[in-house]
Amino acid sequence: MRGTTRTIAVAGVSAFAMLTAACSGSSTETTSTTSGSGSNSSSSSEAPAAAGGEIVVHGCTPENPLIASNTSETCGGNILDTITAKLVHYNSETAEPEMDIAEDIKTDDNQNFTVTLKDYKFSDGTPVTSKSFVDAWNYAAYGPNGQGGSYFFGPIEGFADLQCTGTDEKTACEGEGAPKAKELTGLKVVDDKTFTIKTTEKVSNLPVRLGYTAFAPQPDAFFKDPEAFGKAPIGAGPFKFESWTEGQSIVVVKNADYSGANAGKLDKITFKIYQDTDAAYNDLLAGQIDVLDAIPVSALIDDKYKTDLGERNAQRETGVIQYIGMNPKADPSLAKPEIRKAISMAIDRDTINKAIFNNTRVPATGWVSPVVDGYQKDVCGEACVYDAAKAKAALDAAGGYSGKLTLTYNGDGDHKAWTEATCNSIKDALGIDCTATPTVDFKTFLTGLGKGEIKGLFRMGWQMDYPSIENFLAPIYTAGADSNYFNYNNPEFEKLLKEAAGADGLDAANAKYQEAEKVIAADMPTIPMYYGKATMGYSEKIGTFAITPFGVPDFSAITVK
């Protein structure tokens, strides 16, 4: 779930060589990253800092209990990233994959992989073994367990046999619909420190993917009671879980037994849960919290946050994209791609960016972030260029749109101003009655999307899970993928993804992924809005502050004065 501007080459055959070369796991720290002309600059904090201390940061309500294979959103993902370690760690400055728990990941054919582990322990003192990974991955992939991250294990041999095939939702996993197997044939434990992975077809960037949260190992305690475990998770990361007070806070503390090279410097982090970003910003100004990971729209206007915070702010371009989705199955009025393209053309992204975001966003021209290798400019074409006259003509040619249109957003995020401005732009250009409508919080929002209950348009965002063009396509638009809230299903798109995964070399793989993105452009299942540029603030208490390429604070690098 999470750069320099456009130079992260991480997918393809070169991934293995890069991983084995970066086994130290160390990373550089960035205290501030500014983006004016499109390039990033970094500088070290001049404030003296020391290890230890505690901070309070802006948090939000996780959608699900904190289980790595069932967390696909940032509210829970930010917590899990502090307490878990995976085979691979993404460098906090460049996003390049580096060895973490893995000593190495070897392959001669991009289909058979041998993983060797370092000595690591979970925070409960038990060792991380090959079985910790194999058992966790089998659990995640097994259909009846209903894990949202199950999709990520799809390339491993035997995945299809672990899926439920019944058509009735209540009995999908029973009788003839029950899975044929409980374990992936492509996973084998060799010994405590070695296991093998076999994929159904070649997967050129598999090693790059293995740093994503869903691939975290689980201790034996998890399998005894997964539900209880999700409320008090155990990981092998630089911090360990301490407490969760529903609706108020989640607390993690330094893991004194952490085995890796990315140890946290703080003693304690409290994620204070907010329903309103402005309230969090006011608390930051009052010294009640120490880190705010998103400056509210109200403080972006005229650079108010710079006046309020002085030098205590940071910004960088990130592997994030904001877009607008729709589910034609829930709302057939949006079934035609031509209607969706007309709506996209009716959105004045530049004016909204200037008036609402004070130019702290980058209007999107496609579906893939510019920070990953394989990005192609202007793939969306004129459909992402504001033109009220062309938009109206396109809508009329498509048969028009009747009735009211809603643009739903989660009320605990700072989305009211820009969604209302977007609706006004659509209304002015197309004459459609468009209303921005909030849900209570992100959890409620995602639940409604998952059940297909939200009609009309809805705001969405994607923070890359791993730095690859593939990650902006497959997990979002593959049929049945956990984040495919759009009921999108195009066999040609999926054919191109398979060809890309099996391609010989990075350039060949990226070319196929780029073709797949063009299929998305033709179908327009979502409307690209903005590429990510994270703008954050911090308190006078903070000594060193960093933003990762994934658009989140680098919690392992933060220090207090």
Protein backbone atom coordinates (compact mmCIF):
# COMPACT_ATOMS: atom_id res chain seq x y z
CA MET A 1 0.00 0.00 0.00
CA ARG A 2 2.66 3.15 -0.64
CA GLY A 3 11.35 8.81 -5.76
CA THR A 4 13.03 10.77 -7.05
CA THR A 5 11.02 12.19 -9.89
CA ARG A 6 11.11 9.49 -12.53
CA THR A 7 14.18 7.33 -12.14
CA ILE A 8 13.32 4.32 -10.02
CA ALA A 9 14.24 1.25 -12.10
CA VAL A 10 13.12 -1.69 -10.02
CA ALA A 11 11.15 -4.18 -12.10
CA GLY A 12 12.21 -6.89 -14.50
CA VAL A 13 15.20 -9.19 -14.56
CA SER A 14 17.42 -6.51 -13.02
CA ALA A 15 15.43 -6.71 -9.79
CA PHE A 16 17.33 -9.74 -8.55
CA ALA A 17 20.72 -8.21 -9.18
CA MET A 18 19.68 -5.02 -7.40
CA LEU A 19 18.36 -6.92 -4.41
CA THR A 20 21.46 -9.00 -3.93
CA ALA A 21 23.66 -5.93 -4.28
CA ALA A 22 21.75 -4.05 -1.58
CA CYS A 23 21.88 -6.53 1.23
CA SER A 24 23.04 -3.96 3.79
CA GLY A 25 19.50 -2.62 4.18
CA SER A 26 20.70 0.86 5.10
CA SER A 27 18.96 3.97 3.85
CA THR A 28 19.57 7.68 3.72
CA GLU A 29 17.39 10.19 5.46
CA THR A 30 15.64 13.19 3.97
CA THR A 31 14.40 15.92 6.21
CA SER A 32 12.70 17.96 3.55
CA THR A 33 12.06 17.51 -0.12
CA THR A 34 10.85 20.41 -2.19
CA SER A 35 9.55 20.25 -5.71
CA GLY A 36 9.48 23.35 -7.82
CA SER A 37 10.69 22.58 -11.33
CA GLY A 38 9.96 18.87 -11.00
CA SER A 39 13.20 17.78 -9.37
CA ASN A 40 13.63 16.95 -5.72
CA SER A 41 16.19 18.38 -3.33
CA SER A 42 17.01 17.13 0.13
CA SER A 43 18.73 18.53 3.17
CA SER A 44 19.65 17.27 6.60
CA SER A 45 18.07 18.73 9.69
CA GLU A 46 20.32 21.19 11.48
CA ALA A 47 18.53 20.66 14.79
CA PRO A 48 20.45 18.42 17.19
CA ALA A 49 18.61 15.15 17.71
CA ALA A 50 18.98 12.14 19.95
CA ALA A 51 17.59 8.63 20.02
CA GLY A 52 14.62 7.99 22.25
CA GLY A 53 11.59 10.05 23.13
CA GLU A 54 8.02 9.76 21.94
CA ILE A 55 5.75 11.53 19.49
CA VAL A 56 2.05 11.79 18.64
CA VAL A 57 1.11 11.62 14.97
CA HIS A 58 -2.06 12.04 12.93
CA GLY A 59 -3.83 8.71 12.43
CA CYS A 60 -7.12 7.36 11.12
CA THR A 61 -9.37 4.33 11.69
CA PRO A 62 -8.16 1.09 10.05
CA GLU A 63 -10.75 -0.65 7.91
CA ASN A 64 -10.00 -4.08 9.39
CA PRO A 65 -8.13 -5.66 12.30
CA LEU A 66 -4.36 -5.31 11.86
CA ILE A 67 -3.59 -8.45 9.86
CA ALA A 68 -0.93 -7.94 7.20
CA SER A 69 -2.71 -9.95 4.51
CA ASN A 70 -6.02 -8.20 5.11
CA THR A 71 -4.89 -4.56 5.21
CA SER A 72 -4.93 -2.72 1.90
CA GLU A 73 -5.43 0.88 3.04
CA THR A 74 -3.15 3.45 4.63
CA CYS A 75 -4.87 3.83 8.01
CA GLY A 76 -3.91 0.29 8.97
CA GLY A 77 -0.97 0.07 6.60
CA ASN A 78 0.95 2.87 8.32
CA ILE A 79 0.71 0.99 11.62
CA LEU A 80 1.73 -2.34 10.14
CA ASP A 81 4.70 -0.80 8.36
CA THR A 82 6.17 0.17 11.73
CA ILE A 83 5.75 -3.25 13.34
CA THR A 84 6.42 -5.65 10.46
CA ALA A 85 9.52 -6.63 8.54
CA LYS A 86 9.39 -8.42 5.21
CA LEU A 87 11.84 -10.21 2.95
CA VAL A 88 12.55 -6.91 1.23
CA HIS A 89 12.71 -3.33 2.51
CA TYR A 90 12.19 -0.32 0.25
CA ASN A 91 14.85 2.33 0.65
CA SER A 92 13.22 5.32 2.36
CA GLU A 93 14.93 7.80 0.04
CA THR A 94 14.86 6.07 -3.36
CA ALA A 95 12.28 3.25 -2.93
CA GLU A 96 14.82 0.80 -4.32
CA PRO A 97 14.36 -2.74 -2.92
CA GLU A 98 16.97 -3.89 -0.40
CA MET A 99 17.33 -7.12 1.49
CA ASP A 100 15.62 -7.18 4.89
CA ILE A 101 14.74 -10.57 6.39
CA ALA A 102 15.98 -12.22 3.19
CA GLU A 103 19.69 -12.92 2.93
CA ASP A 104 19.15 -13.39 -0.79
CA ILE A 105 16.47 -14.27 -3.35
CA LYS A 106 17.87 -16.30 -6.25
CA THR A 107 16.36 -17.25 -9.58
CA ASP A 108 17.67 -18.39 -12.93
CA ASP A 109 14.38 -18.24 -14.82
CA ASN A 110 12.03 -15.76 -13.05
CA GLN A 111 9.75 -18.68 -12.19
CA ASN A 112 11.63 -20.69 -9.56
CA PHE A 113 12.96 -18.67 -6.63
CA THR A 114 15.04 -19.75 -3.64
CA VAL A 115 14.82 -17.55 -0.55
CA THR A 116 17.43 -17.66 2.22
CA LEU A 117 16.70 -15.92 5.53
CA LYS A 118 18.76 -14.01 8.06
CA ASP A 119 18.35 -14.50 11.80
CA TYR A 120 15.27 -12.50 12.83
CA LYS A 121 12.90 -12.65 15.76
CA PHE A 122 9.30 -11.60 16.23
CA SER A 123 8.60 -9.15 19.02
CA ASP A 124 7.28 -12.03 21.14
CA GLY A 125 10.77 -13.56 21.05
CA THR A 126 10.00 -16.43 18.68
CA PRO A 127 12.23 -16.91 15.62
CA VAL A 128 11.22 -15.96 12.08
CA THR A 129 11.58 -19.13 10.01
CA SER A 130 10.73 -20.30 6.53
CA LYS A 131 7.56 -21.77 7.99
CA SER A 132 6.59 -18.31 9.26
CA PHE A 133 6.39 -17.15 5.66
CA VAL A 134 4.95 -20.27 4.04
CA ASP A 135 2.19 -20.67 6.63
CA ALA A 136 1.30 -16.96 6.47
CA TRP A 137 1.15 -16.96 2.69
CA ASN A 138 -0.96 -20.12 2.57
CA TYR A 139 -3.38 -18.57 5.05
CA ALA A 140 -3.57 -15.38 2.99
CA ALA A 141 -4.17 -17.23 -0.27
CA TYR A 142 -6.83 -19.65 1.08
CA GLY A 143 -10.20 -18.38 -0.16
CA PRO A 144 -12.35 -19.17 2.90
CA ASN A 145 -10.10 -16.94 5.04
CA GLY A 146 -11.37 -13.93 3.08
CA GLN A 147 -8.12 -11.99 3.10
CA GLY A 148 -8.16 -8.77 1.11
CA GLY A 149 -4.53 -9.26 0.13
CA SER A 150 -5.12 -12.75 -1.24
CA TYR A 151 -4.78 -11.42 -4.75
CA PHE A 152 -1.06 -10.73 -4.29
CA PHE A 153 -0.40 -14.48 -4.06
CA GLY A 154 -2.13 -15.17 -7.38
CA PRO A 155 1.11 -15.72 -9.33
CA ILE A 156 2.24 -18.59 -7.04
CA GLU A 157 1.58 -22.09 -8.35
CA GLY A 158 -1.58 -23.67 -6.93
CA PHE A 159 -3.37 -20.41 -6.12
CA ALA A 160 -6.43 -21.30 -8.21
CA ASP A 161 -7.01 -24.49 -6.21
CA LEU A 162 -7.23 -22.47 -2.97
CA GLN A 163 -10.13 -20.37 -4.22
CA CYS A 164 -13.86 -20.75 -3.59
CA THR A 165 -15.86 -21.32 -6.76
CA GLY A 166 -19.48 -21.28 -5.56
CA THR A 167 -21.77 -18.61 -6.95
CA ASP A 168 -23.88 -17.97 -3.85
CA GLU A 169 -22.21 -15.46 -1.53
CA LYS A 170 -23.18 -17.28 1.68
CA THR A 171 -22.18 -20.77 0.54
CA ALA A 172 -19.47 -19.91 -1.99
CA CYS A 173 -16.86 -21.98 -0.13
CA GLU A 174 -19.05 -24.96 0.68
CA GLY A 175 -19.84 -28.19 -1.12
CA GLU A 176 -18.78 -28.21 -4.76
CA GLY A 177 -17.63 -24.62 -4.36
CA ALA A 178 -15.08 -25.46 -1.66
CA PRO A 179 -11.37 -25.03 -2.54
CA LYS A 180 -9.58 -28.09 -3.87
CA ALA A 181 -6.56 -27.50 -1.64
CA LYS A 182 -5.42 -25.62 1.44
CA GLU A 183 -1.77 -25.04 0.58
CA LEU A 184 0.03 -23.52 -2.38
CA THR A 185 1.98 -26.15 -4.32
CA GLY A 186 4.44 -23.44 -5.27
CA LEU A 187 5.71 -22.99 -1.71
CA LYS A 188 8.12 -25.46 -0.13
CA VAL A 189 10.00 -25.29 3.18
CA VAL A 190 13.55 -26.56 2.66
CA ASP A 191 14.77 -25.85 6.19
CA ASP A 192 14.33 -23.19 8.87
CA LYS A 193 16.28 -20.64 6.83
CA THR A 194 15.36 -21.63 3.27
CA PHE A 195 12.16 -21.91 1.25
CA THR A 196 11.30 -21.96 -2.43
CA ILE A 197 8.68 -20.19 -4.51
CA LYS A 198 7.41 -21.46 -7.86
CA THR A 199 5.11 -19.29 -9.92
CA THR A 200 2.59 -20.55 -12.45
CA GLU A 201 4.22 -18.42 -15.13
CA LYS A 202 7.30 -16.22 -15.19
CA VAL A 203 7.04 -13.16 -12.94
CA SER A 204 9.89 -10.82 -13.74
CA ASN A 205 9.37 -8.45 -10.80
CA LEU A 206 8.43 -10.93 -8.06
CA PRO A 207 11.40 -10.03 -5.80
CA VAL A 208 10.36 -6.36 -5.93
CA ARG A 209 6.84 -7.22 -4.76
CA LEU A 210 8.00 -9.12 -1.68
CA GLY A 211 8.43 -5.99 0.43
CA TYR A 212 4.70 -5.33 0.43
CA THR A 213 2.82 -5.71 3.71
CA ALA A 214 0.77 -8.74 2.59
CA PHE A 215 3.98 -10.78 2.32
CA ALA A 216 4.95 -10.28 5.98
CA PRO A 217 5.59 -13.46 8.01
CA GLN A 218 3.36 -14.43 10.93
CA PRO A 219 4.31 -16.03 14.25
CA ASP A 220 2.65 -19.19 15.53
CA ALA A 221 0.42 -17.04 17.78
CA PHE A 222 -1.39 -15.70 14.71
CA PHE A 223 -2.79 -19.07 13.66
CA LYS A 224 -4.20 -19.84 17.11
CA ASP A 225 -6.69 -16.95 16.93
CA PRO A 226 -6.36 -14.63 13.90
CA GLU A 227 -9.25 -12.43 15.03
CA ALA A 228 -7.72 -11.73 18.43
CA PHE A 229 -4.29 -11.36 16.85
CA GLY A 230 -5.59 -8.58 14.59
CA LYS A 231 -6.39 -6.49 17.68
CA ALA A 232 -2.92 -7.00 19.15
CA PRO A 233 -0.57 -7.93 16.27
CA ILE A 234 2.97 -9.26 16.59
CA GLY A 235 5.60 -8.46 13.97
CA ALA A 236 9.34 -8.52 13.39
CA GLY A 237 9.72 -4.81 12.63
CA PRO A 238 11.51 -1.90 14.32
CA PHE A 239 8.51 -1.18 16.57
CA LYS A 240 6.04 -3.41 18.37
CA PHE A 241 2.36 -3.01 19.07
CA GLU A 242 1.38 -1.77 22.53
CA SER A 243 -2.31 -0.78 22.54
CA TRP A 244 -5.39 0.11 20.48
CA THR A 245 -8.15 2.24 21.93
CA GLU A 246 -11.00 2.16 19.40
CA GLY A 247 -11.69 5.54 17.86
CA GLN A 248 -8.92 7.21 19.85
CA SER A 249 -5.42 5.91 19.32
CA ILE A 250 -3.04 3.12 18.37
CA VAL A 251 0.33 2.99 20.15
CA VAL A 252 3.57 1.30 19.09
CA VAL A 253 6.85 1.23 21.00
CA LYS A 254 10.44 0.52 20.06
CA ASN A 255 11.19 -3.17 19.55
CA ALA A 256 14.33 -3.72 21.61
CA ASP A 257 14.80 -7.15 19.99
CA TYR A 258 14.59 -5.92 16.40
CA SER A 259 17.10 -7.80 14.27
CA GLY A 260 17.40 -5.61 11.18
CA ALA A 261 19.20 -2.54 9.87
CA ASN A 262 16.21 -0.18 9.92
CA ALA A 263 15.77 0.27 13.66
CA GLY A 264 13.55 3.09 14.88
CA LYS A 265 15.08 5.92 16.87
CA LEU A 266 11.95 6.77 18.86
CA ASP A 267 10.79 4.97 21.98
CA LYS A 268 7.09 5.42 21.33
CA ILE A 269 4.67 6.55 18.61
CA THR A 270 1.02 7.28 19.32
CA PHE A 271 -1.24 7.40 16.26
CA LYS A 272 -4.04 9.69 17.40
CA ILE A 273 -7.21 9.00 15.41
CA TYR A 274 -8.95 12.03 13.91
CA GLN A 275 -12.18 12.42 11.99
CA ASP A 276 -11.18 15.85 10.68
CA THR A 277 -7.84 17.00 9.24
CA ASP A 278 -8.40 20.63 10.24
CA ALA A 279 -8.72 19.53 13.86
CA ALA A 280 -5.44 17.67 13.56
CA TYR A 281 -3.79 20.75 12.03
CA ASN A 282 -4.98 22.94 14.89
CA ASP A 283 -3.58 20.39 17.34
CA LEU A 284 -0.26 20.53 15.50
CA LEU A 285 -0.16 24.31 15.89
CA ALA A 286 -1.01 23.93 19.58
CA GLY A 287 1.72 21.34 20.11
CA GLN A 288 -0.76 18.57 20.85
CA ILE A 289 0.54 16.36 18.04
CA ASP A 290 3.97 16.23 16.45
CA VAL A 291 3.44 14.97 12.89
CA LEU A 292 0.66 15.75 10.42
CA ASP A 293 0.95 13.67 7.25
CA ALA A 294 -1.36 15.83 5.13
CA ILE A 295 -1.73 19.61 5.39
CA PRO A 296 -5.47 20.45 5.14
CA VAL A 297 -6.80 22.44 2.20
CA SER A 298 -7.63 25.37 4.50
CA ALA A 299 -3.92 25.78 5.31
CA LEU A 300 -2.68 25.36 1.73
CA ILE A 301 -4.41 28.53 0.54
CA ASP A 302 -1.85 31.33 0.12
CA ASP A 303 0.74 29.04 1.74
CA LYS A 304 -0.78 29.65 5.16
CA TYR A 305 0.93 26.53 6.51
CA LYS A 306 4.34 28.03 5.72
CA THR A 307 3.49 31.12 7.75
CA ASP A 308 2.10 28.99 10.58
CA LEU A 309 4.89 26.41 10.64
CA GLY A 310 7.90 28.25 9.28
CA GLU A 311 10.56 25.70 8.34
CA ARG A 312 8.63 22.90 10.02
CA ASN A 313 7.16 21.55 6.80
CA ALA A 314 8.31 19.10 4.14
CA GLN A 315 7.21 18.18 0.64
CA ARG A 316 8.11 15.62 -2.03
CA GLU A 317 6.63 13.95 -5.08
CA THR A 318 5.46 10.46 -4.26
CA GLY A 319 4.19 7.23 -5.77
CA VAL A 320 0.57 8.18 -5.21
CA ILE A 321 -2.29 8.89 -7.60
CA GLN A 322 -5.73 10.32 -6.87
CA TYR A 323 -8.58 9.37 -9.16
CA ILE A 324 -12.35 9.19 -9.41
CA GLY A 325 -14.00 5.80 -9.72
CA MET A 326 -17.41 4.48 -10.65
CA ASN A 327 -19.05 1.06 -10.63
CA PRO A 328 -21.28 0.56 -13.71
CA LYS A 329 -22.79 -2.52 -12.08
CA ALA A 330 -24.03 -0.37 -9.19
CA ASP A 331 -24.84 2.56 -11.49
CA PRO A 332 -25.57 1.57 -15.13
CA SER A 333 -25.93 5.25 -16.10
CA LEU A 334 -22.10 5.40 -16.10
CA ALA A 335 -21.57 2.22 -18.13
CA LYS A 336 -20.45 3.90 -21.36
CA PRO A 337 -16.76 4.85 -21.57
CA GLU A 338 -17.80 7.83 -23.69
CA ILE A 339 -19.85 9.24 -20.80
CA ARG A 340 -16.98 8.73 -18.39
CA LYS A 341 -14.58 10.49 -20.78
CA ALA A 342 -17.00 13.39 -21.16
CA ILE A 343 -17.16 13.78 -17.37
CA SER A 344 -13.35 13.68 -17.20
CA MET A 345 -13.06 16.42 -19.84
CA ALA A 346 -15.50 18.52 -17.81
CA ILE A 347 -13.16 18.63 -14.79
CA ASP A 348 -10.90 21.68 -14.68
CA ARG A 349 -7.99 20.06 -12.82
CA ASP A 350 -5.65 23.03 -13.19
CA THR A 351 -8.06 25.57 -11.74
CA ILE A 352 -9.04 23.26 -8.87
CA ASN A 353 -5.36 22.62 -8.15
CA LYS A 354 -4.66 26.35 -8.02
CA ALA A 355 -7.77 27.42 -6.11
CA ILE A 356 -8.04 24.53 -3.64
CA PHE A 357 -4.56 22.99 -3.37
CA ASN A 358 -2.41 26.07 -4.01
CA ASN A 359 -0.65 24.11 -6.79
CA THR A 360 0.54 21.40 -4.41
CA ARG A 361 -0.82 18.68 -6.70
CA VAL A 362 0.25 17.56 -10.17
CA PRO A 363 -2.69 17.12 -12.59
CA ALA A 364 -2.65 13.53 -13.84
CA THR A 365 -2.36 12.63 -17.51
CA GLY A 366 -2.54 8.86 -17.01
CA TRP A 367 -2.96 6.05 -14.51
CA VAL A 368 0.68 5.46 -13.47
CA SER A 369 2.76 7.69 -11.18
CA PRO A 370 5.71 9.53 -12.74
CA VAL A 371 8.02 8.30 -9.97
CA VAL A 372 8.16 4.71 -11.30
CA ASP A 373 10.05 3.41 -14.27
CA GLY A 374 7.70 2.76 -17.18
CA TYR A 375 5.63 5.90 -16.71
CA GLN A 376 4.33 7.33 -19.98
CA LYS A 377 3.14 10.89 -20.33
CA ASP A 378 -0.29 11.94 -21.64
CA VAL A 379 -1.64 8.41 -22.10
CA CYS A 380 -5.08 9.73 -21.12
CA GLY A 381 -5.01 12.16 -24.04
CA GLU A 382 -7.71 14.78 -24.47
CA ALA A 383 -9.97 12.97 -21.99
CA CYS A 384 -7.84 14.44 -19.19
CA VAL A 385 -7.70 17.93 -20.68
CA TYR A 386 -10.41 20.35 -19.59
CA ASP A 387 -12.59 21.51 -22.49
CA ALA A 388 -16.17 22.34 -21.58
CA ALA A 389 -17.39 22.54 -25.19
CA LYS A 390 -15.83 19.19 -26.21
CA ALA A 391 -17.09 17.59 -23.00
CA LYS A 392 -20.67 18.67 -23.68
CA ALA A 393 -20.49 17.55 -27.32
CA ALA A 394 -19.05 14.17 -26.25
CA LEU A 395 -21.78 13.71 -23.65
CA ASP A 396 -24.51 14.51 -26.17
CA ALA A 397 -22.98 12.12 -28.71
CA ALA A 398 -23.00 9.38 -26.05
CA GLY A 399 -26.73 9.87 -25.42
CA GLY A 400 -26.51 12.33 -22.55
CA TYR A 401 -26.91 11.81 -18.83
CA SER A 402 -30.18 12.11 -16.92
CA GLY A 403 -30.73 12.36 -13.20
CA LYS A 404 -28.52 13.48 -10.34
CA LEU A 405 -24.87 12.58 -10.03
CA THR A 406 -23.12 12.12 -6.67
CA LEU A 407 -19.40 12.22 -5.91
CA THR A 408 -18.89 10.30 -2.66
CA TYR A 409 -15.91 10.83 -0.38
CA ASN A 410 -14.86 9.74 3.12
CA GLY A 411 -15.74 12.47 5.60
CA ASP A 412 -12.69 11.90 7.81
CA GLY A 413 -10.38 12.93 4.96
CA ASP A 414 -9.81 16.43 3.66
CA HIS A 415 -11.87 15.97 0.49
CA LYS A 416 -14.88 18.26 0.88
CA ALA A 417 -13.50 21.34 -0.90
CA TRP A 418 -12.02 19.64 -3.95
CA THR A 419 -14.91 17.22 -4.48
CA GLU A 420 -17.37 20.12 -4.33
CA ALA A 421 -15.21 22.07 -6.79
CA THR A 422 -15.10 19.01 -9.05
CA CYS A 423 -18.87 18.69 -8.97
CA ASN A 424 -19.24 22.39 -9.76
CA SER A 425 -16.93 22.00 -12.74
CA ILE A 426 -18.97 19.05 -14.04
CA LYS A 427 -22.20 20.96 -13.45
CA ASP A 428 -20.97 24.07 -15.26
CA ALA A 429 -19.64 22.19 -18.28
CA LEU A 430 -22.27 19.48 -18.69
CA GLY A 431 -25.35 20.82 -16.94
CA ILE A 432 -25.47 17.70 -14.74
CA ASP A 433 -26.72 18.16 -11.17
CA CYS A 434 -23.65 16.90 -9.26
CA THR A 435 -23.39 16.79 -5.47
CA ALA A 436 -20.37 15.90 -3.31
CA THR A 437 -21.55 13.50 -0.58
CA PRO A 438 -19.54 12.34 2.47
CA THR A 439 -19.56 9.06 4.38
CA VAL A 440 -18.74 9.03 8.10
CA ASP A 441 -15.19 7.72 7.71
CA PHE A 442 -12.84 5.78 5.46
CA LYS A 443 -13.84 2.42 6.90
CA THR A 444 -17.52 3.07 6.13
CA PHE A 445 -16.56 4.35 2.69
CA LEU A 446 -14.57 1.22 1.77
CA THR A 447 -17.22 -1.09 3.18
CA GLY A 448 -19.84 0.57 0.99
CA LEU A 449 -17.62 0.27 -2.06
CA GLY A 450 -16.92 -3.38 -1.33
CA LYS A 451 -20.63 -4.13 -1.18
CA GLY A 452 -21.36 -2.17 -4.35
CA GLU A 453 -23.64 0.19 -2.45
CA ILE A 454 -22.11 3.48 -3.63
CA LYS A 455 -23.58 4.79 -6.85
CA GLY A 456 -22.32 7.59 -9.07
CA LEU A 457 -18.73 8.77 -8.72
CA PHE A 458 -16.41 8.21 -5.77
CA ARG A 459 -12.99 9.57 -4.89
CA MET A 460 -10.14 7.11 -4.62
CA GLY A 461 -6.40 7.18 -4.12
CA TRP A 462 -3.63 4.65 -4.61
CA GLN A 463 -0.36 4.61 -2.72
CA MET A 464 2.08 2.24 -4.38
CA ASP A 465 2.68 -1.03 -2.57
CA TYR A 466 5.98 -1.52 -4.35
CA PRO A 467 7.77 0.69 -6.91
CA SER A 468 6.65 -0.74 -10.25
CA ILE A 469 4.37 0.32 -13.11
CA GLU A 470 2.66 -3.05 -12.63
CA ASN A 471 1.51 -2.04 -9.15
CA PHE A 472 -0.54 0.84 -10.57
CA LEU A 473 -2.35 -1.54 -12.91
CA ALA A 474 -2.76 -5.15 -11.79
CA PRO A 475 -3.96 -4.75 -8.15
CA ILE A 476 -6.49 -2.10 -9.16
CA TYR A 477 -7.91 -3.23 -12.50
CA THR A 478 -7.52 -7.02 -12.65
CA ALA A 479 -10.89 -8.78 -12.45
CA GLY A 480 -11.61 -9.73 -8.82
CA ALA A 481 -8.67 -7.77 -7.39
CA ASP A 482 -9.25 -6.44 -3.88
CA SER A 483 -9.03 -2.80 -4.97
CA ASN A 484 -11.06 -3.21 -8.16
CA TYR A 485 -14.15 -1.37 -6.91
CA PHE A 486 -15.15 -0.60 -10.51
CA ASN A 487 -16.24 -4.09 -11.62
CA TYR A 488 -13.66 -3.74 -14.40
CA ASN A 489 -12.95 -6.83 -16.48
CA ASN A 490 -11.09 -6.72 -19.81
CA PRO A 491 -9.43 -9.94 -21.08
CA GLU A 492 -7.09 -7.98 -23.37
CA PHE A 493 -5.82 -5.99 -20.39
CA GLU A 494 -5.15 -9.16 -18.40
CA LYS A 495 -3.48 -10.84 -21.39
CA LEU A 496 -1.04 -7.94 -21.63
CA LEU A 497 -0.30 -8.15 -17.89
CA LYS A 498 0.61 -11.83 -18.24
CA GLU A 499 2.83 -11.09 -21.21
CA ALA A 500 4.53 -8.31 -19.26
CA ALA A 501 5.16 -10.53 -16.24
CA GLY A 502 6.86 -13.12 -18.40
CA ALA A 503 8.81 -10.67 -20.54
CA ASP A 504 12.57 -10.98 -20.87
CA GLY A 505 14.01 -7.83 -19.36
CA LEU A 506 12.78 -4.58 -17.88
CA ASP A 507 12.27 -2.72 -21.14
CA ALA A 508 10.19 -5.51 -22.66
CA ALA A 509 8.08 -5.82 -19.51
CA ASN A 510 7.46 -2.08 -19.30
CA ALA A 511 6.44 -1.94 -22.97
CA LYS A 512 3.69 -4.51 -22.30
CA TYR A 513 2.56 -2.73 -19.15
CA GLN A 514 2.36 0.48 -21.14
CA GLU A 515 0.14 -1.27 -23.70
CA ALA A 516 -2.06 -2.41 -20.81
CA GLU A 517 -2.34 1.17 -19.57
CA LYS A 518 -3.54 2.20 -23.04
CA VAL A 519 -6.35 -0.35 -22.74
CA ILE A 520 -7.32 1.36 -19.48
CA ALA A 521 -7.27 4.69 -21.31
CA ALA A 522 -9.70 3.37 -23.92
CA ASP A 523 -12.11 1.95 -21.33
CA MET A 524 -11.79 4.78 -18.76
CA PRO A 525 -12.86 2.71 -15.70
CA THR A 526 -11.52 5.54 -13.54
CA ILE A 527 -10.81 9.25 -14.07
CA PRO A 528 -7.21 10.29 -13.24
CA MET A 529 -7.07 13.45 -11.15
CA TYR A 530 -3.70 14.16 -9.49
CA TYR A 531 -0.29 12.62 -8.97
CA GLY A 532 0.94 12.67 -5.42
CA LYS A 533 2.97 15.41 -3.86
CA ALA A 534 3.01 14.95 -0.10
CA THR A 535 2.99 18.09 2.04
CA MET A 536 3.45 17.52 5.76
CA GLY A 537 4.05 19.48 8.93
CA TYR A 538 5.74 18.74 12.24
CA SER A 539 6.14 20.26 15.68
CA GLU A 540 9.06 22.08 17.27
CA LYS A 541 9.78 18.87 19.16
CA ILE A 542 10.96 17.07 16.01
CA GLY A 543 14.69 16.94 15.29
CA THR A 544 14.85 14.93 12.06
CA PHE A 545 11.91 14.39 9.72
CA ALA A 546 11.64 12.40 6.51
CA ILE A 547 9.01 11.56 3.87
CA THR A 548 9.32 8.30 1.96
CA PRO A 549 8.64 7.90 -1.78
CA PHE A 550 5.41 6.19 -0.72
CA GLY A 551 4.09 9.46 0.68
CA VAL A 552 4.25 8.60 4.39
CA PRO A 553 6.50 9.80 7.20
CA ASP A 554 9.62 7.69 7.61
CA PHE A 555 8.87 6.63 11.16
CA SER A 556 12.20 4.84 11.58
CA ALA A 557 14.12 8.02 10.72
CA ILE A 558 12.18 10.55 12.83
CA THR A 559 13.94 11.86 15.93
CA VAL A 560 13.11 14.35 18.66
CA LYS A 561 15.40 17.16 19.84
